[in-house]
PDB file of N, CA and C in Angstrom:
ATOM      1  N   MET A   1      54.793 -99.134 171.217  1.00  0.00           N
ATOM      2  CA  MET A   1      54.803 -99.268 169.796  1.00  0.00           C
ATOM      3  C   MET A   1      55.788-100.829 169.588  1.00  0.00           C
ATOM      4  N   ALA A   2      54.977-101.600 168.443  1.00  0.00           N
ATOM      5  CA  ALA A   2      55.596-102.935 168.511  1.00  0.00           C
ATOM      6  C   ALA A   2      56.909-102.480 167.289  1.00  0.00           C
ATOM      7  N   GLN A   3      57.747-103.582 168.076  1.00  0.00           N
ATOM      8  CA  GLN A   3      58.868-103.804 166.906  1.00  0.00           C
ATOM      9  C   GLN A   3      59.158-104.844 166.483  1.00  0.00           C
ATOM     10  N   TYR A   4      59.477-105.186 165.248  1.00  0.00           N
ATOM     11  CA  TYR A   4      59.547-107.030 164.979  1.00  0.00           C
ATOM     12  C   TYR A   4      60.962-106.890 164.549  1.00  0.00           C
ATOM     13  N   SER A   5      61.619-108.059 164.665  1.00  0.00           N
ATOM     14  CA  SER A   5      62.926-108.437 164.163  1.00  0.00           C
ATOM     15  C   SER A   5      62.559-108.884 162.583  1.00  0.00           C
ATOM     16  N   ILE A   6      63.679-108.929 161.993  1.00  0.00           N
ATOM     17  CA  ILE A   6      63.324-109.794 160.723  1.00  0.00           C
ATOM     18  C   ILE A   6      62.720-111.028 160.731  1.00  0.00           C
ATOM     19  N   GLY A   7      63.342-111.832 161.951  1.00  0.00           N
ATOM     20  CA  GLY A   7      62.469-113.194 161.858  1.00  0.00           C
ATOM     21  C   GLY A   7      61.313-113.103 162.343  1.00  0.00           C
ATOM     22  N   GLU A   8      61.400-112.353 163.286  1.00  0.00           N
ATOM     23  CA  GLU A   8      59.643-112.022 163.851  1.00  0.00           C
ATOM     24  C   GLU A   8      58.708-111.642 162.549  1.00  0.00           C
ATOM     25  N   PHE A   9      59.294-110.815 161.957  1.00  0.00           N
ATOM     26  CA  PHE A   9      58.465-110.220 160.721  1.00  0.00           C
ATOM     27  C   PHE A   9      57.987-111.026 159.324  1.00  0.00           C
ATOM     28  N   ALA A  10      58.991-111.882 159.122  1.00  0.00           N
ATOM     29  CA  ALA A  10      58.664-112.942 158.351  1.00  0.00           C
ATOM     30  C   ALA A  10      57.915-113.866 158.833  1.00  0.00           C
ATOM     31  N   LYS A  11      57.441-114.366 159.865  1.00  0.00           N
ATOM     32  CA  LYS A  11      56.421-115.213 160.238  1.00  0.00           C
ATOM     33  C   LYS A  11      55.677-114.457 160.472  1.00  0.00           C
ATOM     34  N   LYS A  12      55.382-112.941 160.766  1.00  0.00           N
ATOM     35  CA  LYS A  12      53.710-112.434 161.091  1.00  0.00           C
ATOM     36  C   LYS A  12      53.122-112.673 159.636  1.00  0.00           C
ATOM     37  N   THR A  13      54.209-112.094 158.649  1.00  0.00           N
ATOM     38  CA  THR A  13      53.734-111.952 157.291  1.00  0.00           C
ATOM     39  C   THR A  13      53.799-113.182 156.499  1.00  0.00           C
ATOM     40  N   GLY A  14      54.291-114.398 156.786  1.00  0.00           N
ATOM     41  CA  GLY A  14      54.282-115.461 155.921  1.00  0.00           C
ATOM     42  C   GLY A  14      55.052-115.545 154.840  1.00  0.00           C
ATOM     43  N   LEU A  15      56.410-114.583 155.025  1.00  0.00           N
ATOM     44  CA  LEU A  15      57.179-114.230 153.559  1.00  0.00           C
ATOM     45  C   LEU A  15      58.407-114.967 154.391  1.00  0.00           C
ATOM     46  N   SER A  16      59.648-115.150 153.480  1.00  0.00           N
ATOM     47  CA  SER A  16      60.708-115.373 154.031  1.00  0.00           C
ATOM     48  C   SER A  16      61.580-114.347 153.979  1.00  0.00           C
ATOM     49  N   ILE A  17      62.770-114.844 155.022  1.00  0.00           N
ATOM     50  CA  ILE A  17      63.640-113.137 155.273  1.00  0.00           C
ATOM     51  C   ILE A  17      64.075-112.941 154.120  1.00  0.00           C
ATOM     52  N   ASP A  18      64.623-113.477 153.357  1.00  0.00           N
ATOM     53  CA  ASP A  18      65.202-113.316 151.882  1.00  0.00           C
ATOM     54  C   ASP A  18      64.335-112.688 151.142  1.00  0.00           C
ATOM     55  N   THR A  19      62.843-113.068 150.961  1.00  0.00           N
ATOM     56  CA  THR A  19      61.779-111.991 150.323  1.00  0.00           C
ATOM     57  C   THR A  19      61.927-110.799 150.661  1.00  0.00           C
ATOM     58  N   LEU A  20      61.695-110.461 152.172  1.00  0.00           N
ATOM     59  CA  LEU A  20      61.602-109.106 152.924  1.00  0.00           C
ATOM     60  C   LEU A  20      63.145-108.472 152.565  1.00  0.00           C
ATOM     61  N   ARG A  21      63.982-109.142 152.354  1.00  0.00           N
ATOM     62  CA  ARG A  21      65.517-108.361 151.716  1.00  0.00           C
ATOM     63  C   ARG A  21      65.452-108.056 150.801  1.00  0.00           C
ATOM     64  N   TYR A  22      64.988-108.534 149.963  1.00  0.00           N
ATOM     65  CA  TYR A  22      64.480-108.361 148.309  1.00  0.00           C
ATOM     66  C   TYR A  22      63.538-107.274 148.246  1.00  0.00           C
ATOM     67  N   TYR A  23      62.658-107.188 148.966  1.00  0.00           N
ATOM     68  CA  TYR A  23      61.870-105.946 148.818  1.00  0.00           C
ATOM     69  C   TYR A  23      62.790-104.813 149.437  1.00  0.00           C
ATOM     70  N   GLU A  24      63.245-104.881 150.378  1.00  0.00           N
ATOM     71  CA  GLU A  24      64.256-103.819 150.612  1.00  0.00           C
ATOM     72  C   GLU A  24      65.097-103.366 149.697  1.00  0.00           C
ATOM     73  N   LYS A  25      65.336-103.635 148.694  1.00  0.00           N
ATOM     74  CA  LYS A  25      66.938-104.008 148.074  1.00  0.00           C
ATOM     75  C   LYS A  25      66.303-103.519 146.689  1.00  0.00           C
ATOM     76  N   GLU A  26      64.670-104.066 146.594  1.00  0.00           N
ATOM     77  CA  GLU A  26      63.907-102.937 145.617  1.00  0.00           C
ATOM     78  C   GLU A  26      63.091-102.137 145.855  1.00  0.00           C
ATOM     79  N   ALA A  27      63.303-101.390 147.031  1.00  0.00           N
ATOM     80  CA  ALA A  27      63.095-100.193 147.850  1.00  0.00           C
ATOM     81  C   ALA A  27      61.390-100.030 147.679  1.00  0.00           C
ATOM     82  N   ILE A  28      60.873-101.417 148.108  1.00  0.00           N
ATOM     83  CA  ILE A  28      59.488-101.466 148.254  1.00  0.00           C
ATOM     84  C   ILE A  28      58.966-101.247 149.603  1.00  0.00           C
ATOM     85  N   ILE A  29      59.803-101.559 150.360  1.00  0.00           N
ATOM     86  CA  ILE A  29      59.693-101.909 152.080  1.00  0.00           C
ATOM     87  C   ILE A  29      60.861-101.382 152.422  1.00  0.00           C
ATOM     88  N   PHE A  30      61.098-100.301 153.810  1.00  0.00           N
ATOM     89  CA  PHE A  30      62.153-100.148 154.393  1.00  0.00           C
ATOM     90  C   PHE A  30      61.914-100.525 155.965  1.00  0.00           C
ATOM     91  N   SER A  31      63.176-101.233 156.269  1.00  0.00           N
ATOM     92  CA  SER A  31      63.144-101.581 157.902  1.00  0.00           C
ATOM     93  C   SER A  31      63.812-100.475 158.236  1.00  0.00           C
ATOM     94  N   GLN A  32      63.777-100.545 159.697  1.00  0.00           N
ATOM     95  CA  GLN A  32      64.693 -99.452 160.351  1.00  0.00           C
ATOM     96  C   GLN A  32      65.799 -99.948 161.157  1.00  0.00           C
ATOM     97  N   ARG A  33      66.672 -99.463 161.822  1.00  0.00           N
ATOM     98  CA  ARG A  33      67.822-100.080 162.107  1.00  0.00           C
ATOM     99  C   ARG A  33      67.927 -99.595 163.917  1.00  0.00           C
ATOM    100  N   ASP A  34      68.292-100.755 164.743  1.00  0.00           N
ATOM    101  CA  ASP A  34      68.215-100.209 165.889  1.00  0.00           C
ATOM    102  C   ASP A  34      69.721 -99.998 166.273  1.00  0.00           C
ATOM    103  N   SER A  35      70.300 -99.970 167.574  1.00  0.00           N
ATOM    104  CA  SER A  35      71.430 -99.331 167.579  1.00  0.00           C
ATOM    105  C   SER A  35      72.643-100.737 167.450  1.00  0.00           C
ATOM    106  N   ASN A  36      72.332-101.831 167.422  1.00  0.00           N
ATOM    107  CA  ASN A  36      73.169-102.961 166.731  1.00  0.00           C
ATOM    108  C   ASN A  36      73.053-102.699 164.913  1.00  0.00           C
ATOM    109  N   ASN A  37      72.770-101.937 164.628  1.00  0.00           N
ATOM    110  CA  ASN A  37      72.235-102.069 163.219  1.00  0.00           C
ATOM    111  C   ASN A  37      71.553-103.070 162.872  1.00  0.00           C
ATOM    112  N   ARG A  38      70.664-104.103 163.477  1.00  0.00           N
ATOM    113  CA  ARG A  38      69.460-104.672 163.495  1.00  0.00           C
ATOM    114  C   ARG A  38      68.428-104.193 162.666  1.00  0.00           C
ATOM    115  N   ARG A  39      67.710-104.876 161.681  1.00  0.00           N
ATOM    116  CA  ARG A  39      66.505-104.768 160.999  1.00  0.00           C
ATOM    117  C   ARG A  39      65.733-104.753 162.026  1.00  0.00           C
ATOM    118  N   TYR A  40      64.593-103.808 161.985  1.00  0.00           N
ATOM    119  CA  TYR A  40      63.372-103.930 162.964  1.00  0.00           C
ATOM    120  C   TYR A  40      62.210-103.370 162.047  1.00  0.00           C
ATOM    121  N   TYR A  41      61.069-103.995 161.828  1.00  0.00           N
ATOM    122  CA  TYR A  41      59.779-103.426 161.341  1.00  0.00           C
ATOM    123  C   TYR A  41      58.965-102.841 162.367  1.00  0.00           C
ATOM    124  N   LEU A  42      57.874-101.874 162.102  1.00  0.00           N
ATOM    125  CA  LEU A  42      56.927-101.950 162.841  1.00  0.00           C
ATOM    126  C   LEU A  42      55.531-102.499 162.571  1.00  0.00           C
ATOM    127  N   GLU A  43      54.845-102.000 163.436  1.00  0.00           N
ATOM    128  CA  GLU A  43      52.886-102.524 162.747  1.00  0.00           C
ATOM    129  C   GLU A  43      52.824-101.600 161.573  1.00  0.00           C
ATOM    130  N   ALA A  44      52.921-100.521 161.375  1.00  0.00           N
ATOM    131  CA  ALA A  44      52.941 -99.672 159.794  1.00  0.00           C
ATOM    132  C   ALA A  44      53.142-100.290 158.572  1.00  0.00           C
ATOM    133  N   ASP A  45      54.682-100.895 159.016  1.00  0.00           N
ATOM    134  CA  ASP A  45      55.445-101.602 157.739  1.00  0.00           C
ATOM    135  C   ASP A  45      54.607-102.930 157.722  1.00  0.00           C
ATOM    136  N   TYR A  46      53.825-103.633 158.870  1.00  0.00           N
ATOM    137  CA  TYR A  46      53.037-104.374 158.175  1.00  0.00           C
ATOM    138  C   TYR A  46      51.913-104.258 157.110  1.00  0.00           C
ATOM    139  N   GLU A  47      51.196-103.272 157.675  1.00  0.00           N
ATOM    140  CA  GLU A  47      49.947-102.779 156.803  1.00  0.00           C
ATOM    141  C   GLU A  47      50.213-102.619 155.707  1.00  0.00           C
ATOM    142  N   TRP A  48      51.727-101.664 155.362  1.00  0.00           N
ATOM    143  CA  TRP A  48      51.719-101.762 154.304  1.00  0.00           C
ATOM    144  C   TRP A  48      52.290-102.769 153.407  1.00  0.00           C
ATOM    145  N   LEU A  49      52.645-103.839 154.081  1.00  0.00           N
ATOM    146  CA  LEU A  49      53.430-104.968 153.545  1.00  0.00           C
ATOM    147  C   LEU A  49      52.160-105.857 153.176  1.00  0.00           C
ATOM    148  N   LEU A  50      50.963-105.751 153.772  1.00  0.00           N
ATOM    149  CA  LEU A  50      49.964-106.365 153.446  1.00  0.00           C
ATOM    150  C   LEU A  50      49.196-105.870 152.089  1.00  0.00           C
ATOM    151  N   PHE A  51      49.204-104.887 152.082  1.00  0.00           N
ATOM    152  CA  PHE A  51      49.032-104.004 151.131  1.00  0.00           C
ATOM    153  C   PHE A  51      49.677-104.090 149.581  1.00  0.00           C
ATOM    154  N   ILE A  52      50.851-104.682 149.330  1.00  0.00           N
ATOM    155  CA  ILE A  52      51.387-104.621 148.364  1.00  0.00           C
ATOM    156  C   ILE A  52      51.478-106.406 148.206  1.00  0.00           C
ATOM    157  N   LEU A  53      51.287-107.163 149.375  1.00  0.00           N
ATOM    158  CA  LEU A  53      50.902-108.422 148.956  1.00  0.00           C
ATOM    159  C   LEU A  53      49.425-108.482 148.286  1.00  0.00           C
ATOM    160  N   ARG A  54      48.977-107.654 148.565  1.00  0.00           N
ATOM    161  CA  ARG A  54      47.674-107.405 147.943  1.00  0.00           C
ATOM    162  C   ARG A  54      47.510-107.237 146.562  1.00  0.00           C
ATOM    163  N   LEU A  55      48.137-105.870 146.144  1.00  0.00           N
ATOM    164  CA  LEU A  55      48.595-105.297 144.956  1.00  0.00           C
ATOM    165  C   LEU A  55      49.054-106.486 143.922  1.00  0.00           C
ATOM    166  N   LYS A  56      50.229-107.628 144.688  1.00  0.00           N
ATOM    167  CA  LYS A  56      50.271-108.835 144.017  1.00  0.00           C
ATOM    168  C   LYS A  56      49.298-109.593 143.676  1.00  0.00           C
ATOM    169  N   LYS A  57      48.662-109.943 144.297  1.00  0.00           N
ATOM    170  CA  LYS A  57      47.353-110.741 144.415  1.00  0.00           C
ATOM    171  C   LYS A  57      46.611-110.304 142.878  1.00  0.00           C
ATOM    172  N   THR A  58      46.631-109.016 142.776  1.00  0.00           N
ATOM    173  CA  THR A  58      45.856-108.513 141.587  1.00  0.00           C
ATOM    174  C   THR A  58      46.900-108.669 140.360  1.00  0.00           C
ATOM    175  N   GLY A  59      47.709-109.052 140.171  1.00  0.00           N
ATOM    176  CA  GLY A  59      48.596-109.178 139.171  1.00  0.00           C
ATOM    177  C   GLY A  59      49.191-107.836 139.072  1.00  0.00           C
ATOM    178  N   MET A  60      49.492-107.401 140.095  1.00  0.00           N
ATOM    179  CA  MET A  60      50.435-105.735 139.595  1.00  0.00           C
ATOM    180  C   MET A  60      51.789-106.284 139.494  1.00  0.00           C
ATOM    181  N   THR A  61      52.160-105.921 138.448  1.00  0.00           N
ATOM    182  CA  THR A  61      53.780-106.089 138.127  1.00  0.00           C
ATOM    183  C   THR A  61      54.809-105.600 139.260  1.00  0.00           C
ATOM    184  N   ILE A  62      56.083-106.357 139.630  1.00  0.00           N
ATOM    185  CA  ILE A  62      56.992-106.032 140.619  1.00  0.00           C
ATOM    186  C   ILE A  62      57.431-104.381 139.863  1.00  0.00           C
ATOM    187  N   LYS A  63      57.671-104.419 138.710  1.00  0.00           N
ATOM    188  CA  LYS A  63      57.869-102.836 138.208  1.00  0.00           C
ATOM    189  C   LYS A  63      57.275-101.863 138.673  1.00  0.00           C
ATOM    190  N   ASN A  64      55.467-102.302 138.548  1.00  0.00           N
ATOM    191  CA  ASN A  64      54.758-101.173 138.947  1.00  0.00           C
ATOM    192  C   ASN A  64      54.572-101.176 140.496  1.00  0.00           C
ATOM    193  N   ILE A  65      54.633-102.268 140.898  1.00  0.00           N
ATOM    194  CA  ILE A  65      54.785-102.082 142.645  1.00  0.00           C
ATOM    195  C   ILE A  65      55.763-100.874 143.069  1.00  0.00           C
ATOM    196  N   LYS A  66      56.957-101.545 142.597  1.00  0.00           N
ATOM    197  CA  LYS A  66      58.109-100.412 143.064  1.00  0.00           C
ATOM    198  C   LYS A  66      57.879 -99.265 142.493  1.00  0.00           C
ATOM    199  N   GLU A  67      57.422 -98.992 141.386  1.00  0.00           N
ATOM    200  CA  GLU A  67      57.138 -97.216 141.218  1.00  0.00           C
ATOM    201  C   GLU A  67      55.965 -96.968 142.016  1.00  0.00           C
ATOM    202  N   TYR A  68      54.767 -97.651 142.398  1.00  0.00           N
ATOM    203  CA  TYR A  68      53.902 -97.025 143.489  1.00  0.00           C
ATOM    204  C   TYR A  68      54.430 -97.080 144.395  1.00  0.00           C
ATOM    205  N   ALA A  69      55.527 -98.034 145.057  1.00  0.00           N
ATOM    206  CA  ALA A  69      56.067 -98.122 146.555  1.00  0.00           C
ATOM    207  C   ALA A  69      56.883 -96.571 146.898  1.00  0.00           C
ATOM    208  N   LYS A  70      57.652 -95.974 145.318  1.00  0.00           N
ATOM    209  CA  LYS A  70      58.574 -94.671 145.456  1.00  0.00           C
ATOM    210  C   LYS A  70      57.673 -93.658 145.559  1.00  0.00           C
ATOM    211  N   LEU A  71      56.285 -93.599 144.783  1.00  0.00           N
ATOM    212  CA  LEU A  71      55.662 -92.749 145.240  1.00  0.00           C
ATOM    213  C   LEU A  71      54.831 -92.619 146.140  1.00  0.00           C
ATOM    214  N   ARG A  72      54.639 -93.623 146.794  1.00  0.00           N
ATOM    215  CA  ARG A  72      54.025 -93.495 148.155  1.00  0.00           C
ATOM    216  C   ARG A  72      55.135 -92.829 149.386  1.00  0.00           C
ATOM    217  N   TYR A  73      56.683 -93.294 149.048  1.00  0.00           N
ATOM    218  CA  TYR A  73      57.679 -92.796 149.840  1.00  0.00           C
ATOM    219  C   TYR A  73      57.642 -91.158 149.622  1.00  0.00           C
ATOM    220  N   GLN A  74      57.353 -90.654 148.446  1.00  0.00           N
ATOM    221  CA  GLN A  74      57.580 -89.163 148.314  1.00  0.00           C
ATOM    222  C   GLN A  74      56.436 -88.432 148.668  1.00  0.00           C
ATOM    223  N   GLY A  75      55.632 -88.880 149.289  1.00  0.00           N
ATOM    224  CA  GLY A  75      54.387 -88.060 149.831  1.00  0.00           C
ATOM    225  C   GLY A  75      52.920 -88.253 149.173  1.00  0.00           C
ATOM    226  N   ASN A  76      52.296 -87.349 149.790  1.00  0.00           N
ATOM    227  CA  ASN A  76      50.944 -86.941 149.186  1.00  0.00           C
ATOM    228  C   ASN A  76      50.699 -86.125 147.717  1.00  0.00           C
ATOM    229  N   SER A  77      51.890 -85.747 147.505  1.00  0.00           N
ATOM    230  CA  SER A  77      52.120 -84.907 146.331  1.00  0.00           C
ATOM    231  C   SER A  77      52.022 -85.741 144.876  1.00  0.00           C
ATOM    232  N   THR A  78      52.065 -87.305 145.310  1.00  0.00           N
ATOM    233  CA  THR A  78      51.852 -88.106 144.283  1.00  0.00           C
ATOM    234  C   THR A  78      50.791 -89.030 144.444  1.00  0.00           C
ATOM    235  N   ILE A  79      50.066 -88.803 144.696  1.00  0.00           N
ATOM    236  CA  ILE A  79      48.540 -89.535 145.090  1.00  0.00           C
ATOM    237  C   ILE A  79      47.799 -89.569 143.464  1.00  0.00           C
ATOM    238  N   SER A  80      47.673 -88.523 142.569  1.00  0.00           N
ATOM    239  CA  SER A  80      47.407 -88.617 141.155  1.00  0.00           C
ATOM    240  C   SER A  80      48.241 -89.537 140.406  1.00  0.00           C
ATOM    241  N   LYS A  81      49.319 -89.781 140.516  1.00  0.00           N
ATOM    242  CA  LYS A  81      50.272 -91.164 139.532  1.00  0.00           C
ATOM    243  C   LYS A  81      50.003 -92.044 140.736  1.00  0.00           C
ATOM    244  N   ARG A  82      49.864 -92.412 141.773  1.00  0.00           N
ATOM    245  CA  ARG A  82      49.492 -93.822 142.387  1.00  0.00           C
ATOM    246  C   ARG A  82      47.953 -94.252 141.745  1.00  0.00           C
ATOM    247  N   LEU A  83      47.092 -93.140 141.961  1.00  0.00           N
ATOM    248  CA  LEU A  83      45.794 -93.225 141.054  1.00  0.00           C
ATOM    249  C   LEU A  83      45.899 -94.015 139.586  1.00  0.00           C
ATOM    250  N   GLU A  84      46.471 -93.273 139.230  1.00  0.00           N
ATOM    251  CA  GLU A  84      47.064 -93.691 137.425  1.00  0.00           C
ATOM    252  C   GLU A  84      47.431 -95.178 137.669  1.00  0.00           C
ATOM    253  N   LEU A  85      48.282 -95.607 138.428  1.00  0.00           N
ATOM    254  CA  LEU A  85      48.486 -97.119 138.452  1.00  0.00           C
ATOM    255  C   LEU A  85      47.618 -98.130 139.029  1.00  0.00           C
ATOM    256  N   LEU A  86      46.838 -97.616 139.844  1.00  0.00           N
ATOM    257  CA  LEU A  86      45.708 -98.149 140.366  1.00  0.00           C
ATOM    258  C   LEU A  86      44.541 -98.193 139.295  1.00  0.00           C
ATOM    259  N   PHE A  87      44.182 -97.051 138.223  1.00  0.00           N
ATOM    260  CA  PHE A  87      43.294 -97.648 137.169  1.00  0.00           C
ATOM    261  C   PHE A  87      43.794 -98.549 136.224  1.00  0.00           C
ATOM    262  N   GLN A  88      45.339 -98.506 135.866  1.00  0.00           N
ATOM    263  CA  GLN A  88      45.716 -99.455 134.804  1.00  0.00           C
ATOM    264  C   GLN A  88      45.552-100.455 135.808  1.00  0.00           C
ATOM    265  N   GLN A  89      45.506-100.950 136.693  1.00  0.00           N
ATOM    266  CA  GLN A  89      45.676-102.208 137.236  1.00  0.00           C
ATOM    267  C   GLN A  89      44.192-102.774 137.335  1.00  0.00           C
ATOM    268  N   LEU A  90      43.177-102.017 137.357  1.00  0.00           N
ATOM    269  CA  LEU A  90      41.895-101.799 137.421  1.00  0.00           C
ATOM    270  C   LEU A  90      41.390-102.546 136.204  1.00  0.00           C
ATOM    271  N   ASP A  91      41.909-101.578 135.347  1.00  0.00           N
ATOM    272  CA  ASP A  91      41.688-102.236 133.732  1.00  0.00           C
ATOM    273  C   ASP A  91      42.196-103.494 133.541  1.00  0.00           C
ATOM    274  N   ALA A  92      43.404-103.574 133.758  1.00  0.00           N
ATOM    275  CA  ALA A  92      43.854-105.136 133.492  1.00  0.00           C
ATOM    276  C   ALA A  92      42.722-106.299 134.360  1.00  0.00           C
ATOM    277  N   LEU A  93      42.338-105.945 135.382  1.00  0.00           N
ATOM    278  CA  LEU A  93      41.559-107.040 136.176  1.00  0.00           C
ATOM    279  C   LEU A  93      40.237-106.987 135.364  1.00  0.00           C
ATOM    280  N   LYS A  94      39.795-105.895 135.095  1.00  0.00           N
ATOM    281  CA  LYS A  94      38.118-106.124 134.203  1.00  0.00           C
ATOM    282  C   LYS A  94      38.567-106.826 132.942  1.00  0.00           C
ATOM    283  N   ILE A  95      39.523-106.700 132.264  1.00  0.00           N
ATOM    284  CA  ILE A  95      39.732-107.465 130.934  1.00  0.00           C
ATOM    285  C   ILE A  95      40.167-109.110 131.329  1.00  0.00           C
ATOM    286  N   LYS A  96      40.670-109.639 132.552  1.00  0.00           N
ATOM    287  CA  LYS A  96      40.937-110.593 132.789  1.00  0.00           C
ATOM    288  C   LYS A  96      39.463-111.465 133.418  1.00  0.00           C
ATOM    289  N   ARG A  97      38.565-110.415 134.025  1.00  0.00           N
ATOM    290  CA  ARG A  97      37.354-110.887 134.462  1.00  0.00           C
ATOM    291  C   ARG A  97      36.449-111.000 133.512  1.00  0.00           C
ATOM    292  N   ALA A  98      36.690-110.450 132.070  1.00  0.00           N
ATOM    293  CA  ALA A  98      35.932-110.621 131.093  1.00  0.00           C
ATOM    294  C   ALA A  98      35.995-111.641 130.225  1.00  0.00           C
ATOM    295  N   GLU A  99      37.390-112.103 130.311  1.00  0.00           N
ATOM    296  CA  GLU A  99      38.237-113.392 129.743  1.00  0.00           C
ATOM    297  C   GLU A  99      37.638-114.580 130.573  1.00  0.00           C
ATOM    298  N   ILE A 100      37.575-114.499 132.164  1.00  0.00           N
ATOM    299  CA  ILE A 100      37.437-115.409 132.522  1.00  0.00           C
ATOM    300  C   ILE A 100      35.590-115.892 132.386  1.00  0.00           C
ATOM    301  N   SER A 101      35.247-114.480 132.031  1.00  0.00           N
ATOM    302  CA  SER A 101      33.575-115.018 132.318  1.00  0.00           C
ATOM    303  C   SER A 101      33.107-115.776 130.735  1.00  0.00           C
ATOM    304  N   GLU A 102      33.716-115.158 129.712  1.00  0.00           N
ATOM    305  CA  GLU A 102      33.917-115.914 128.475  1.00  0.00           C
ATOM    306  C   GLU A 102      34.382-117.697 128.512  1.00  0.00           C
ATOM    307  N   ASN A 103      35.198-117.636 129.091  1.00  0.00           N
ATOM    308  CA  ASN A 103      35.915-119.263 129.341  1.00  0.00           C
ATOM    309  C   ASN A 103      34.749-119.854 130.625  1.00  0.00           C
ATOM    310  N   ILE A 104      34.305-119.395 131.290  1.00  0.00           N
ATOM    311  CA  ILE A 104      33.505-120.315 132.090  1.00  0.00           C
ATOM    312  C   ILE A 104      32.068-120.394 131.512  1.00  0.00           C
ATOM    313  N   GLU A 105      31.651-119.355 130.669  1.00  0.00           N
ATOM    314  CA  GLU A 105      30.324-119.521 129.366  1.00  0.00           C
ATOM    315  C   GLU A 105      30.721-120.699 128.094  1.00  0.00           C
ATOM    316  N   PHE A 106      32.022-120.764 127.942  1.00  0.00           N
ATOM    317  CA  PHE A 106      32.293-121.662 126.847  1.00  0.00           C
ATOM    318  C   PHE A 106      32.236-123.191 127.866  1.00  0.00           C
ATOM    319  N   ILE A 107      32.897-123.185 129.008  1.00  0.00           N
ATOM    320  CA  ILE A 107      33.028-124.843 129.471  1.00  0.00           C
ATOM    321  C   ILE A 107      31.318-124.809 130.074  1.00  0.00           C
ATOM    322  N   GLU A 108      30.508-123.953 130.325  1.00  0.00           N
ATOM    323  CA  GLU A 108      29.249-124.336 130.793  1.00  0.00           C
ATOM    324  C   GLU A 108      28.493-124.760 129.569  1.00  0.00           C
ATOM    325  N   ASN A 109      28.682-124.343 128.216  1.00  0.00           N
ATOM    326  CA  ASN A 109      27.820-124.463 127.250  1.00  0.00           C
ATOM    327  C   ASN A 109      28.270-125.983 126.781  1.00  0.00           C
ATOM    328  N   LYS A 110      29.663-126.283 126.909  1.00  0.00           N
ATOM    329  CA  LYS A 110      30.256-127.649 126.603  1.00  0.00           C
ATOM    330  C   LYS A 110      29.638-128.539 127.576  1.00  0.00           C
ATOM    331  N   ILE A 111      29.436-128.389 128.408  1.00  0.00           N
ATOM    332  CA  ILE A 111      28.681-129.076 130.020  1.00  0.00           C
ATOM    333  C   ILE A 111      27.213-129.505 129.362  1.00  0.00           C
ATOM    334  N   GLU A 112      26.514-128.467 128.847  1.00  0.00           N
ATOM    335  CA  GLU A 112      25.210-128.794 128.592  1.00  0.00           C
ATOM    336  C   GLU A 112      25.214-130.113 127.072  1.00  0.00           C
ATOM    337  N   ILE A 113      25.838-129.426 126.245  1.00  0.00           N
ATOM    338  CA  ILE A 113      26.162-130.090 124.976  1.00  0.00           C
ATOM    339  C   ILE A 113      26.234-131.771 125.355  1.00  0.00           C
ATOM    340  N   TYR A 114      27.067-132.012 126.299  1.00  0.00           N
ATOM    341  CA  TYR A 114      27.461-133.294 126.448  1.00  0.00           C
ATOM    342  C   TYR A 114      26.131-134.255 127.529  1.00  0.00           C
ATOM    343  N   LYS A 115      25.352-132.970 128.269  1.00  0.00           N
ATOM    344  CA  LYS A 115      24.557-133.310 129.113  1.00  0.00           C
ATOM    345  C   LYS A 115      23.344-133.915 127.950  1.00  0.00           C
ATOM    346  N   ARG A 116      22.990-133.440 127.152  1.00  0.00           N
ATOM    347  CA  ARG A 116      21.876-133.622 126.119  1.00  0.00           C
ATOM    348  C   ARG A 116      22.407-134.847 125.460  1.00  0.00           C
ATOM    349  N   MET A 117      23.694-134.688 125.095  1.00  0.00           N
ATOM    350  CA  MET A 117      23.896-136.255 123.995  1.00  0.00           C
ATOM    351  C   MET A 117      23.886-137.566 124.828  1.00  0.00           C
ATOM    352  N   THR A 118      23.804-137.017 126.697  1.00  0.00           N
ATOM    353  CA  THR A 118      24.131-138.493 127.314  1.00  0.00           C
ATOM    354  C   THR A 118      22.796-138.560 127.769  1.00  0.00           C
ATOM    355  N   LYS A 119      21.743-138.065 127.742  1.00  0.00           N
ATOM    356  CA  LYS A 119      20.311-137.986 127.854  1.00  0.00           C
ATOM    357  C   LYS A 119      19.376-139.135 126.593  1.00  0.00           C
ATOM    358  N   VAL A 120      20.420-139.275 125.363  1.00  0.00           N
ATOM    359  CA  VAL A 120      19.794-139.483 124.431  1.00  0.00           C
ATOM    360  C   VAL A 120      19.509-140.992 124.762  1.00  0.00           C
TER     361      VAL A 120
END
C-alpha cells in the first residue's frame, strides 16, 4: 500500500502543503500519522481529494464541501443527506448553464448584426 509524505502528496495532487494542512484543519481530509508523528496519506486519500477538487470545480462552496466531507466520514447512513447536497449543486450548475447559454446567444446575435452591417 502506497504511502505519501505531505510533500509527496502535495506534488501528486498539485496542491501546496499549506492547502493540504488547511483542508485537514477544516476536516475535509484526514492524514494518518507514522511513529514519528509525521503525516502520511494513502491512495484512497488521493482519490477522495480528486473528488473534492472536482466539487470545487463545480463551484460548490467550502462550507458545503465541509458538510459533505463530514457526512462522508460518518458513513453510509448519511448518503441521503449527501445526495441532497449534490442535487443542490446540480441545480446551481443548471442555472449557470442556462445563464451561459443566454450570454452565448446574446453575443452570437451581436456578431450577426455586425456581420450584416459590414456587408453593406
